[in-house]
Amino acid sequence: MNWDDARVFLAVCRESTLRGAARVLGVDQATVGRRINALEKSLSATLFLRTSEGYALTASGEAALAAVEKMEHGALELERQIQGLDDRLTGTVRVSTTDSLAIDFLIPAIAHLHQQHPEVRVQLDATTQILSLAKREADIAVRNTRPDNPDLIARRIARWPVGLFASRDYVDAHGTPEPGSAFEGHDLVVYQPYLQSNKEMTLVSEPLTRGRIVASLSSSLLVRRSIAAGIGLGEIPVYMGERDGLVRLWPTRTRPAPYDIWLVTHADLRHTARVRAVINQIVAVFSGTGE
């Protein structure tokens, strides 16, 4: 099995459908089907069961998957090492981050980068899904979680306390909640993943038991915008709340865990000229925001 066939095989394994694999590979569905049929014929083995729900691996397919994933690891490692020797300030750098950080920091960083190095292109992916640097889905990640992969280089570029905020209109209409009241009589906006955890819900260590959760949002940017719109009270990093011109409530209280921002890249890529240029601009825009 050559690497081109392996890529097609992996895409079908991971997407479970020809259509999904074709989308990932950037080819048409019929091409993927022909490649899989030809691969099975060359190996004299049935790799997939065709079901109404998609393609499912057979026992032979499971064995092939383990071998192909080793091929993928070797191919990606070679690609990273070769790119790590590249000293040209040209080409594409893929950056993964959240929508909030993209708007406030990454886009200004890209603007500065373009002025200095117009041949370096940035492919920016702003999503709650964490892309894999090890699998070359991204070259740089800017996130609020530190990875535990020893092949990744992580640098903390900001640390912000997290406070309670509201819009001026909300405060004028509803007043400020009393500490110890569990937000009785107040509307609240919360980050959706908090609701999905089994932990006791609090905002700056205050229980929510008497408040009304009127909106749950899937990203920090949506939480910020909901607070600014006067929908309710919410917990966000102090730097962002002040940047948005919101009213900070209970200014002496913060969430126990601060909001850390980590810049992450693969060890093999950190010396690549274009990757280093992007990293320098990202670090520059975060400098002075709090560490």
C-alpha atoms as a PDB file:
ATOM      1  CA  MET A   1       0.000   0.000   0.000  1.00  0.00           C
ATOM      2  CA  ASN A   2       1.475   3.362  -1.017  1.00  0.00           C
ATOM      3  CA  TRP A   3       0.915   6.590   0.946  1.00  0.00           C
ATOM      4  CA  ASP A   4      -1.686   7.950  -1.488  1.00  0.00           C
ATOM      5  CA  ASP A   5      -3.811   4.821  -1.024  1.00  0.00           C
ATOM      6  CA  ALA A   6      -3.220   5.004   2.727  1.00  0.00           C
ATOM      7  CA  ARG A   7      -4.575   8.580   2.861  1.00  0.00           C
ATOM      8  CA  VAL A   8      -7.769   7.503   1.085  1.00  0.00           C
ATOM      9  CA  PHE A   9      -8.146   4.498   3.381  1.00  0.00           C
ATOM     10  CA  LEU A  10      -7.672   6.649   6.512  1.00  0.00           C
ATOM     11  CA  ALA A  11     -10.185   9.234   5.309  1.00  0.00           C
ATOM     12  CA  VAL A  12     -12.866   6.580   4.819  1.00  0.00           C
ATOM     13  CA  CYS A  13     -12.046   5.057   8.219  1.00  0.00           C
ATOM     14  CA  ARG A  14     -12.429   8.399   9.959  1.00  0.00           C
ATOM     15  CA  GLU A  15     -15.418   9.749   8.051  1.00  0.00           C
ATOM     16  CA  SER A  16     -17.293   6.419   7.584  1.00  0.00           C
ATOM     17  CA  THR A  17     -18.710   7.599   4.247  1.00  0.00           C
ATOM     18  CA  LEU A  18     -17.335   8.141   0.748  1.00  0.00           C
ATOM     19  CA  ARG A  19     -18.827  11.628   0.691  1.00  0.00           C
ATOM     20  CA  GLY A  20     -17.150  12.628   3.926  1.00  0.00           C
ATOM     21  CA  ALA A  21     -13.806  11.192   2.824  1.00  0.00           C
ATOM     22  CA  ALA A  22     -14.075  12.976  -0.537  1.00  0.00           C
ATOM     23  CA  ARG A  23     -14.669  16.277   1.249  1.00  0.00           C
ATOM     24  CA  VAL A  24     -11.594  15.795   3.441  1.00  0.00           C
ATOM     25  CA  LEU A  25      -9.400  14.758   0.516  1.00  0.00           C
ATOM     26  CA  GLY A  26     -10.685  17.401  -1.887  1.00  0.00           C
ATOM     27  CA  VAL A  27     -11.717  14.912  -4.578  1.00  0.00           C
ATOM     28  CA  ASP A  28     -15.034  13.589  -5.851  1.00  0.00           C
ATOM     29  CA  GLN A  29     -16.928  10.737  -4.209  1.00  0.00           C
ATOM     30  CA  ALA A  30     -16.602   8.407  -7.200  1.00  0.00           C
ATOM     31  CA  THR A  31     -12.808   8.701  -7.086  1.00  0.00           C
ATOM     32  CA  VAL A  32     -12.747   7.639  -3.442  1.00  0.00           C
ATOM     33  CA  GLY A  33     -14.979   4.646  -4.205  1.00  0.00           C
ATOM     34  CA  ARG A  34     -12.737   3.541  -7.090  1.00  0.00           C
ATOM     35  CA  ARG A  35      -9.592   3.887  -4.973  1.00  0.00           C
ATOM     36  CA  ILE A  36     -11.039   1.791  -2.151  1.00  0.00           C
ATOM     37  CA  ASN A  37     -12.231  -0.912  -4.558  1.00  0.00           C
ATOM     38  CA  ALA A  38      -8.807  -1.014  -6.232  1.00  0.00           C
ATOM     39  CA  LEU A  39      -7.061  -1.172  -2.858  1.00  0.00           C
ATOM     40  CA  GLU A  40      -9.181  -4.102  -1.696  1.00  0.00           C
ATOM     41  CA  LYS A  41      -8.527  -5.888  -4.980  1.00  0.00           C
ATOM     42  CA  SER A  42      -4.759  -5.365  -4.734  1.00  0.00           C
ATOM     43  CA  LEU A  43      -4.726  -6.692  -1.157  1.00  0.00           C
ATOM     44  CA  SER A  44      -7.169  -9.530  -1.928  1.00  0.00           C
ATOM     45  CA  ALA A  45      -9.091  -8.529   1.203  1.00  0.00           C
ATOM     46  CA  THR A  46     -12.356  -6.855   2.122  1.00  0.00           C
ATOM     47  CA  LEU A  47     -11.438  -3.851   4.267  1.00  0.00           C
ATOM     48  CA  PHE A  48     -14.918  -2.383   4.776  1.00  0.00           C
ATOM     49  CA  LEU A  49     -18.453  -3.592   5.259  1.00  0.00           C
ATOM     50  CA  ARG A  50     -20.860  -1.406   3.275  1.00  0.00           C
ATOM     51  CA  THR A  51     -23.799  -0.707   5.610  1.00  0.00           C
ATOM     52  CA  SER A  52     -26.767   1.659   5.542  1.00  0.00           C
ATOM     53  CA  GLU A  53     -24.961   3.791   8.120  1.00  0.00           C
ATOM     54  CA  GLY A  54     -21.690   3.952   6.216  1.00  0.00           C
ATOM     55  CA  TYR A  55     -18.440   2.068   5.892  1.00  0.00           C
ATOM     56  CA  ALA A  56     -17.418  -0.141   8.844  1.00  0.00           C
ATOM     57  CA  LEU A  57     -14.020  -1.818   9.165  1.00  0.00           C
ATOM     58  CA  THR A  58     -13.744  -5.588   8.874  1.00  0.00           C
ATOM     59  CA  ALA A  59     -11.162  -7.565  10.879  1.00  0.00           C
ATOM     60  CA  SER A  60      -8.788  -7.160   7.918  1.00  0.00           C
ATOM     61  CA  GLY A  61      -9.538  -3.465   7.869  1.00  0.00           C
ATOM     62  CA  GLU A  62      -8.737  -3.141  11.580  1.00  0.00           C
ATOM     63  CA  ALA A  63      -5.357  -4.776  11.001  1.00  0.00           C
ATOM     64  CA  ALA A  64      -4.704  -2.504   8.026  1.00  0.00           C
ATOM     65  CA  LEU A  65      -5.661   0.572  10.067  1.00  0.00           C
ATOM     66  CA  ALA A  66      -3.008  -0.110  12.713  1.00  0.00           C
ATOM     67  CA  ALA A  67      -0.327  -0.387  10.022  1.00  0.00           C
ATOM     68  CA  VAL A  68      -1.524   2.644   8.078  1.00  0.00           C
ATOM     69  CA  GLU A  69      -1.562   4.836  11.189  1.00  0.00           C
ATOM     70  CA  LYS A  70       2.133   3.991  11.621  1.00  0.00           C
ATOM     71  CA  MET A  71       2.688   5.075   8.015  1.00  0.00           C
ATOM     72  CA  GLU A  72       0.843   8.313   8.720  1.00  0.00           C
ATOM     73  CA  HIS A  73       2.939   9.008  11.810  1.00  0.00           C
ATOM     74  CA  GLY A  74       6.159   8.514   9.831  1.00  0.00           C
ATOM     75  CA  ALA A  75       4.984  10.630   6.898  1.00  0.00           C
ATOM     76  CA  LEU A  76       3.886  13.502   9.142  1.00  0.00           C
ATOM     77  CA  GLU A  77       7.123  13.362  11.131  1.00  0.00           C
ATOM     78  CA  LEU A  78       9.156  13.575   7.921  1.00  0.00           C
ATOM     79  CA  GLU A  79       7.059  16.486   6.676  1.00  0.00           C
ATOM     80  CA  ARG A  80       7.494  18.383   9.958  1.00  0.00           C
ATOM     81  CA  GLN A  81      11.235  17.828  10.021  1.00  0.00           C
ATOM     82  CA  ILE A  82      11.673  19.002   6.446  1.00  0.00           C
ATOM     83  CA  GLN A  83       9.497  22.066   7.047  1.00  0.00           C
ATOM     84  CA  GLY A  84      11.434  22.791  10.228  1.00  0.00           C
ATOM     85  CA  LEU A  85      14.506  23.419   8.050  1.00  0.00           C
ATOM     86  CA  ASP A  86      12.662  25.903   5.832  1.00  0.00           C
ATOM     87  CA  ASP A  87      14.074  29.428   6.238  1.00  0.00           C
ATOM     88  CA  ARG A  88      11.911  31.067   3.568  1.00  0.00           C
ATOM     89  CA  LEU A  89       9.397  33.714   4.603  1.00  0.00           C
ATOM     90  CA  THR A  90       6.751  32.420   2.249  1.00  0.00           C
ATOM     91  CA  GLY A  91       3.951  29.860   2.325  1.00  0.00           C
ATOM     92  CA  THR A  92       0.952  29.050   4.496  1.00  0.00           C
ATOM     93  CA  VAL A  93       0.802  28.788   8.288  1.00  0.00           C
ATOM     94  CA  ARG A  94      -2.312  27.184   9.779  1.00  0.00           C
ATOM     95  CA  VAL A  95      -3.467  28.623  13.098  1.00  0.00           C
ATOM     96  CA  SER A  96      -6.217  27.232  15.331  1.00  0.00           C
ATOM     97  CA  THR A  97      -7.860  29.356  18.028  1.00  0.00           C
ATOM     98  CA  THR A  98     -11.228  30.409  19.450  1.00  0.00           C
ATOM     99  CA  ASP A  99     -13.517  32.986  17.849  1.00  0.00           C
ATOM    100  CA  SER A 100     -12.995  35.454  20.700  1.00  0.00           C
ATOM    101  CA  LEU A 101      -9.200  35.306  20.556  1.00  0.00           C
ATOM    102  CA  ALA A 102      -9.284  35.400  16.758  1.00  0.00           C
ATOM    103  CA  ILE A 103     -11.213  38.672  16.644  1.00  0.00           C
ATOM    104  CA  ASP A 104      -9.352  40.496  19.397  1.00  0.00           C
ATOM    105  CA  PHE A 105      -5.804  39.229  18.876  1.00  0.00           C
ATOM    106  CA  LEU A 106      -5.137  36.926  15.929  1.00  0.00           C
ATOM    107  CA  ILE A 107      -6.603  39.166  13.219  1.00  0.00           C
ATOM    108  CA  PRO A 108      -4.532  42.189  14.399  1.00  0.00           C
ATOM    109  CA  ALA A 109      -1.482  39.893  14.478  1.00  0.00           C
ATOM    110  CA  ILE A 110      -2.158  38.788  10.893  1.00  0.00           C
ATOM    111  CA  ALA A 111      -2.491  42.428   9.819  1.00  0.00           C
ATOM    112  CA  HIS A 112       0.938  43.264  11.287  1.00  0.00           C
ATOM    113  CA  LEU A 113       2.409  40.120   9.755  1.00  0.00           C
ATOM    114  CA  HIS A 114       1.112  41.012   6.301  1.00  0.00           C
ATOM    115  CA  GLN A 115       2.776  44.425   6.466  1.00  0.00           C
ATOM    116  CA  GLN A 116       6.162  42.873   7.207  1.00  0.00           C
ATOM    117  CA  HIS A 117       5.978  39.555   5.326  1.00  0.00           C
ATOM    118  CA  PRO A 118       3.346  39.738   2.571  1.00  0.00           C
ATOM    119  CA  GLU A 119       4.296  36.314   1.162  1.00  0.00           C
ATOM    120  CA  VAL A 120       3.336  34.519   4.379  1.00  0.00           C
ATOM    121  CA  ARG A 121      -0.313  33.443   4.312  1.00  0.00           C
ATOM    122  CA  VAL A 122      -2.279  32.543   7.422  1.00  0.00           C
ATOM    123  CA  GLN A 123      -5.091  30.002   7.391  1.00  0.00           C
ATOM    124  CA  LEU A 124      -7.073  30.827  10.536  1.00  0.00           C
ATOM    125  CA  ASP A 125      -9.463  28.260  11.991  1.00  0.00           C
ATOM    126  CA  ALA A 126     -11.630  29.682  14.789  1.00  0.00           C
ATOM    127  CA  THR A 127     -13.600  26.869  16.374  1.00  0.00           C
ATOM    128  CA  THR A 128     -14.294  25.200  19.688  1.00  0.00           C
ATOM    129  CA  GLN A 129     -12.908  21.982  18.182  1.00  0.00           C
ATOM    130  CA  ILE A 130      -9.256  21.494  19.104  1.00  0.00           C
ATOM    131  CA  LEU A 131      -7.294  20.591  15.977  1.00  0.00           C
ATOM    132  CA  SER A 132      -4.339  18.212  16.162  1.00  0.00           C
ATOM    133  CA  LEU A 133      -0.883  19.732  15.740  1.00  0.00           C
ATOM    134  CA  ALA A 134       0.680  16.258  15.785  1.00  0.00           C
ATOM    135  CA  LYS A 135      -1.420  15.297  12.732  1.00  0.00           C
ATOM    136  CA  ARG A 136      -0.606  18.585  10.950  1.00  0.00           C
ATOM    137  CA  GLU A 137      -4.204  19.814  11.121  1.00  0.00           C
ATOM    138  CA  ALA A 138      -2.665  23.070  12.359  1.00  0.00           C
ATOM    139  CA  ASP A 139       0.852  24.504  12.784  1.00  0.00           C
ATOM    140  CA  ILE A 140       0.067  26.793  15.732  1.00  0.00           C
ATOM    141  CA  ALA A 141      -2.695  26.698  18.327  1.00  0.00           C
ATOM    142  CA  VAL A 142      -3.695  29.571  20.624  1.00  0.00           C
ATOM    143  CA  ARG A 143      -5.940  28.137  23.331  1.00  0.00           C
ATOM    144  CA  ASN A 144      -6.811  28.349  27.007  1.00  0.00           C
ATOM    145  CA  THR A 145      -5.738  24.764  27.678  1.00  0.00           C
ATOM    146  CA  ARG A 146      -2.207  23.404  27.841  1.00  0.00           C
ATOM    147  CA  PRO A 147      -1.639  20.147  25.921  1.00  0.00           C
ATOM    148  CA  ASP A 148       0.111  17.193  27.543  1.00  0.00           C
ATOM    149  CA  ASN A 149       1.769  15.906  24.351  1.00  0.00           C
ATOM    150  CA  PRO A 150       5.559  15.961  24.966  1.00  0.00           C
ATOM    151  CA  ASP A 151       6.212  16.663  21.263  1.00  0.00           C
ATOM    152  CA  LEU A 152       4.427  20.017  21.531  1.00  0.00           C
ATOM    153  CA  ILE A 153       6.017  23.234  22.754  1.00  0.00           C
ATOM    154  CA  ALA A 154       3.623  25.265  24.912  1.00  0.00           C
ATOM    155  CA  ARG A 155       4.191  28.850  26.042  1.00  0.00           C
ATOM    156  CA  ARG A 156       1.824  30.790  28.267  1.00  0.00           C
ATOM    157  CA  ILE A 157       1.353  34.220  26.690  1.00  0.00           C
ATOM    158  CA  ALA A 158      -1.355  35.663  28.969  1.00  0.00           C
ATOM    159  CA  ARG A 159      -3.001  35.029  32.340  1.00  0.00           C
ATOM    160  CA  TRP A 160      -6.178  36.892  33.239  1.00  0.00           C
ATOM    161  CA  PRO A 161      -8.351  36.748  36.348  1.00  0.00           C
ATOM    162  CA  VAL A 162     -12.015  35.938  35.645  1.00  0.00           C
ATOM    163  CA  GLY A 163     -14.672  38.247  37.050  1.00  0.00           C
ATOM    164  CA  LEU A 164     -18.409  38.898  37.056  1.00  0.00           C
ATOM    165  CA  PHE A 165     -19.728  41.391  34.497  1.00  0.00           C
ATOM    166  CA  ALA A 166     -22.950  42.998  33.290  1.00  0.00           C
ATOM    167  CA  SER A 167     -23.907  45.713  30.850  1.00  0.00           C
ATOM    168  CA  ARG A 168     -24.692  49.212  32.131  1.00  0.00           C
ATOM    169  CA  ASP A 169     -28.277  48.825  30.886  1.00  0.00           C
ATOM    170  CA  TYR A 170     -28.695  45.596  32.860  1.00  0.00           C
ATOM    171  CA  VAL A 171     -27.385  47.172  36.060  1.00  0.00           C
ATOM    172  CA  ASP A 172     -29.648  50.217  35.596  1.00  0.00           C
ATOM    173  CA  ALA A 173     -32.674  47.963  35.101  1.00  0.00           C
ATOM    174  CA  HIS A 174     -31.995  45.205  37.634  1.00  0.00           C
ATOM    175  CA  GLY A 175     -29.398  46.505  40.050  1.00  0.00           C
ATOM    176  CA  THR A 176     -26.459  44.563  41.462  1.00  0.00           C
ATOM    177  CA  PRO A 177     -26.932  41.157  43.100  1.00  0.00           C
ATOM    178  CA  GLU A 178     -26.052  40.797  46.762  1.00  0.00           C
ATOM    179  CA  PRO A 179     -23.137  38.500  47.593  1.00  0.00           C
ATOM    180  CA  GLY A 180     -24.483  35.372  49.248  1.00  0.00           C
ATOM    181  CA  SER A 181     -27.881  35.662  47.521  1.00  0.00           C
ATOM    182  CA  ALA A 182     -27.119  32.927  44.940  1.00  0.00           C
ATOM    183  CA  PHE A 183     -28.165  35.522  42.312  1.00  0.00           C
ATOM    184  CA  GLU A 184     -31.778  35.619  43.464  1.00  0.00           C
ATOM    185  CA  GLY A 185     -33.894  37.678  41.058  1.00  0.00           C
ATOM    186  CA  HIS A 186     -31.178  37.938  38.405  1.00  0.00           C
ATOM    187  CA  ASP A 187     -30.753  36.637  34.866  1.00  0.00           C
ATOM    188  CA  LEU A 188     -27.590  34.724  34.038  1.00  0.00           C
ATOM    189  CA  VAL A 189     -25.694  33.738  30.898  1.00  0.00           C
ATOM    190  CA  VAL A 190     -23.302  30.783  31.119  1.00  0.00           C
ATOM    191  CA  TYR A 191     -20.818  28.863  29.014  1.00  0.00           C
ATOM    192  CA  GLN A 192     -22.603  25.764  27.692  1.00  0.00           C
ATOM    193  CA  PRO A 193     -19.874  23.196  28.527  1.00  0.00           C
ATOM    194  CA  TYR A 194     -20.206  24.189  32.210  1.00  0.00           C
ATOM    195  CA  LEU A 195     -23.810  23.027  32.140  1.00  0.00           C
ATOM    196  CA  GLN A 196     -22.778  19.715  30.598  1.00  0.00           C
ATOM    197  CA  SER A 197     -20.278  18.974  33.364  1.00  0.00           C
ATOM    198  CA  ASN A 198     -21.398  17.389  36.594  1.00  0.00           C
ATOM    199  CA  LYS A 199     -19.771  20.047  38.732  1.00  0.00           C
ATOM    200  CA  GLU A 200     -21.705  22.502  40.864  1.00  0.00           C
ATOM    201  CA  MET A 201     -22.340  25.629  38.813  1.00  0.00           C
ATOM    202  CA  THR A 202     -20.986  28.900  40.205  1.00  0.00           C
ATOM    203  CA  LEU A 203     -20.022  32.350  38.970  1.00  0.00           C
ATOM    204  CA  VAL A 204     -16.971  33.755  40.819  1.00  0.00           C
ATOM    205  CA  SER A 205     -17.634  31.064  43.461  1.00  0.00           C
ATOM    206  CA  GLU A 206     -21.273  32.154  43.981  1.00  0.00           C
ATOM    207  CA  PRO A 207     -23.869  29.369  43.510  1.00  0.00           C
ATOM    208  CA  LEU A 208     -26.491  29.877  40.806  1.00  0.00           C
ATOM    209  CA  THR A 209     -29.304  28.170  42.660  1.00  0.00           C
ATOM    210  CA  ARG A 210     -31.608  31.198  42.898  1.00  0.00           C
ATOM    211  CA  GLY A 211     -30.745  32.832  39.591  1.00  0.00           C
ATOM    212  CA  ARG A 212     -32.327  32.260  36.178  1.00  0.00           C
ATOM    213  CA  ILE A 213     -30.104  30.844  33.442  1.00  0.00           C
ATOM    214  CA  VAL A 214     -31.630  32.561  30.447  1.00  0.00           C
ATOM    215  CA  ALA A 215     -28.934  31.717  27.892  1.00  0.00           C
ATOM    216  CA  SER A 216     -26.217  29.084  27.531  1.00  0.00           C
ATOM    217  CA  LEU A 217     -23.599  29.760  24.874  1.00  0.00           C
ATOM    218  CA  SER A 218     -21.127  27.515  23.067  1.00  0.00           C
ATOM    219  CA  SER A 219     -18.235  29.987  22.922  1.00  0.00           C
ATOM    220  CA  SER A 220     -16.678  32.681  25.065  1.00  0.00           C
ATOM    221  CA  LEU A 221     -17.367  35.277  22.369  1.00  0.00           C
ATOM    222  CA  LEU A 222     -21.090  34.512  22.520  1.00  0.00           C
ATOM    223  CA  VAL A 223     -21.005  34.834  26.310  1.00  0.00           C
ATOM    224  CA  ARG A 224     -19.331  38.242  25.988  1.00  0.00           C
ATOM    225  CA  ARG A 225     -21.802  39.455  23.377  1.00  0.00           C
ATOM    226  CA  SER A 226     -24.762  38.225  25.433  1.00  0.00           C
ATOM    227  CA  ILE A 227     -23.555  40.117  28.504  1.00  0.00           C
ATOM    228  CA  ALA A 228     -23.012  43.235  26.386  1.00  0.00           C
ATOM    229  CA  ALA A 229     -26.548  42.902  24.995  1.00  0.00           C
ATOM    230  CA  GLY A 230     -27.955  43.066  28.527  1.00  0.00           C
ATOM    231  CA  ILE A 231     -29.320  39.515  28.535  1.00  0.00           C
ATOM    232  CA  GLY A 232     -27.865  38.765  31.951  1.00  0.00           C
ATOM    233  CA  LEU A 233     -24.855  38.577  34.239  1.00  0.00           C
ATOM    234  CA  GLY A 234     -21.887  36.454  33.251  1.00  0.00           C
ATOM    235  CA  GLU A 235     -18.363  35.398  34.098  1.00  0.00           C
ATOM    236  CA  ILE A 236     -15.577  36.341  31.655  1.00  0.00           C
ATOM    237  CA  PRO A 237     -11.880  37.254  31.825  1.00  0.00           C
ATOM    238  CA  VAL A 238     -11.416  40.680  33.437  1.00  0.00           C
ATOM    239  CA  TYR A 239      -9.258  41.906  30.562  1.00  0.00           C
ATOM    240  CA  MET A 240     -12.006  41.159  28.041  1.00  0.00           C
ATOM    241  CA  GLY A 241     -14.798  42.597  30.191  1.00  0.00           C
ATOM    242  CA  GLU A 242     -12.931  45.860  30.604  1.00  0.00           C
ATOM    243  CA  ARG A 243     -12.024  45.878  26.915  1.00  0.00           C
ATOM    244  CA  ASP A 244     -15.731  45.565  26.066  1.00  0.00           C
ATOM    245  CA  GLY A 245     -16.662  48.452  28.406  1.00  0.00           C
ATOM    246  CA  LEU A 246     -18.784  46.256  30.684  1.00  0.00           C
ATOM    247  CA  VAL A 247     -19.512  46.878  34.365  1.00  0.00           C
ATOM    248  CA  ARG A 248     -17.536  44.684  36.719  1.00  0.00           C
ATOM    249  CA  LEU A 249     -19.586  43.493  39.690  1.00  0.00           C
ATOM    250  CA  TRP A 250     -18.046  42.394  42.987  1.00  0.00           C
ATOM    251  CA  PRO A 251     -14.563  43.542  41.876  1.00  0.00           C
ATOM    252  CA  THR A 252     -12.808  41.847  44.783  1.00  0.00           C
ATOM    253  CA  ARG A 253     -14.072  38.417  43.719  1.00  0.00           C
ATOM    254  CA  THR A 254     -12.667  36.245  40.939  1.00  0.00           C
ATOM    255  CA  ARG A 255     -13.035  32.684  39.772  1.00  0.00           C
ATOM    256  CA  PRO A 256     -10.500  30.438  41.584  1.00  0.00           C
ATOM    257  CA  ALA A 257      -8.818  29.394  38.318  1.00  0.00           C
ATOM    258  CA  PRO A 258      -7.440  32.181  36.089  1.00  0.00           C
ATOM    259  CA  TYR A 259      -7.879  32.214  32.325  1.00  0.00           C
ATOM    260  CA  ASP A 260      -4.552  31.206  30.771  1.00  0.00           C
ATOM    261  CA  ILE A 261      -3.694  31.612  27.101  1.00  0.00           C
ATOM    262  CA  TRP A 262      -1.228  29.118  25.639  1.00  0.00           C
ATOM    263  CA  LEU A 263       0.593  29.324  22.334  1.00  0.00           C
ATOM    264  CA  VAL A 264       1.396  25.818  21.124  1.00  0.00           C
ATOM    265  CA  THR A 265       3.386  24.499  18.185  1.00  0.00           C
ATOM    266  CA  HIS A 266       5.164  21.285  17.298  1.00  0.00           C
ATOM    267  CA  ALA A 267       8.816  20.963  18.282  1.00  0.00           C
ATOM    268  CA  ASP A 268       9.770  20.172  14.669  1.00  0.00           C
ATOM    269  CA  LEU A 269       8.209  23.386  13.327  1.00  0.00           C
ATOM    270  CA  ARG A 270       9.176  26.032  15.866  1.00  0.00           C
ATOM    271  CA  HIS A 271      12.267  27.129  13.890  1.00  0.00           C
ATOM    272  CA  THR A 272      10.542  27.315  10.498  1.00  0.00           C
ATOM    273  CA  ALA A 273      10.869  30.932   9.376  1.00  0.00           C
ATOM    274  CA  ARG A 274       7.235  31.524   8.472  1.00  0.00           C
ATOM    275  CA  VAL A 275       5.977  29.792  11.626  1.00  0.00           C
ATOM    276  CA  ARG A 276       8.397  31.801  13.764  1.00  0.00           C
ATOM    277  CA  ALA A 277       7.225  35.032  12.079  1.00  0.00           C
ATOM    278  CA  VAL A 278       3.589  34.269  12.925  1.00  0.00           C
ATOM    279  CA  ILE A 279       4.482  33.305  16.508  1.00  0.00           C
ATOM    280  CA  ASN A 280       6.355  36.580  17.005  1.00  0.00           C
ATOM    281  CA  GLN A 281       3.353  38.641  15.880  1.00  0.00           C
ATOM    282  CA  ILE A 282       0.937  36.670  18.072  1.00  0.00           C
ATOM    283  CA  VAL A 283       3.161  37.102  21.124  1.00  0.00           C
ATOM    284  CA  ALA A 284       3.477  40.820  20.371  1.00  0.00           C
ATOM    285  CA  VAL A 285      -0.275  41.468  20.371  1.00  0.00           C
ATOM    286  CA  PHE A 286      -0.691  39.636  23.681  1.00  0.00           C
ATOM    287  CA  SER A 287       2.188  41.468  25.367  1.00  0.00           C
ATOM    288  CA  GLY A 288       0.976  43.872  28.025  1.00  0.00           C
ATOM    289  CA  THR A 289      -2.428  42.188  28.458  1.00  0.00           C
ATOM    290  CA  GLY A 290      -1.375  40.456  31.677  1.00  0.00           C
ATOM    291  CA  GLU A 291       0.918  37.533  32.459  1.00  0.00           C
END
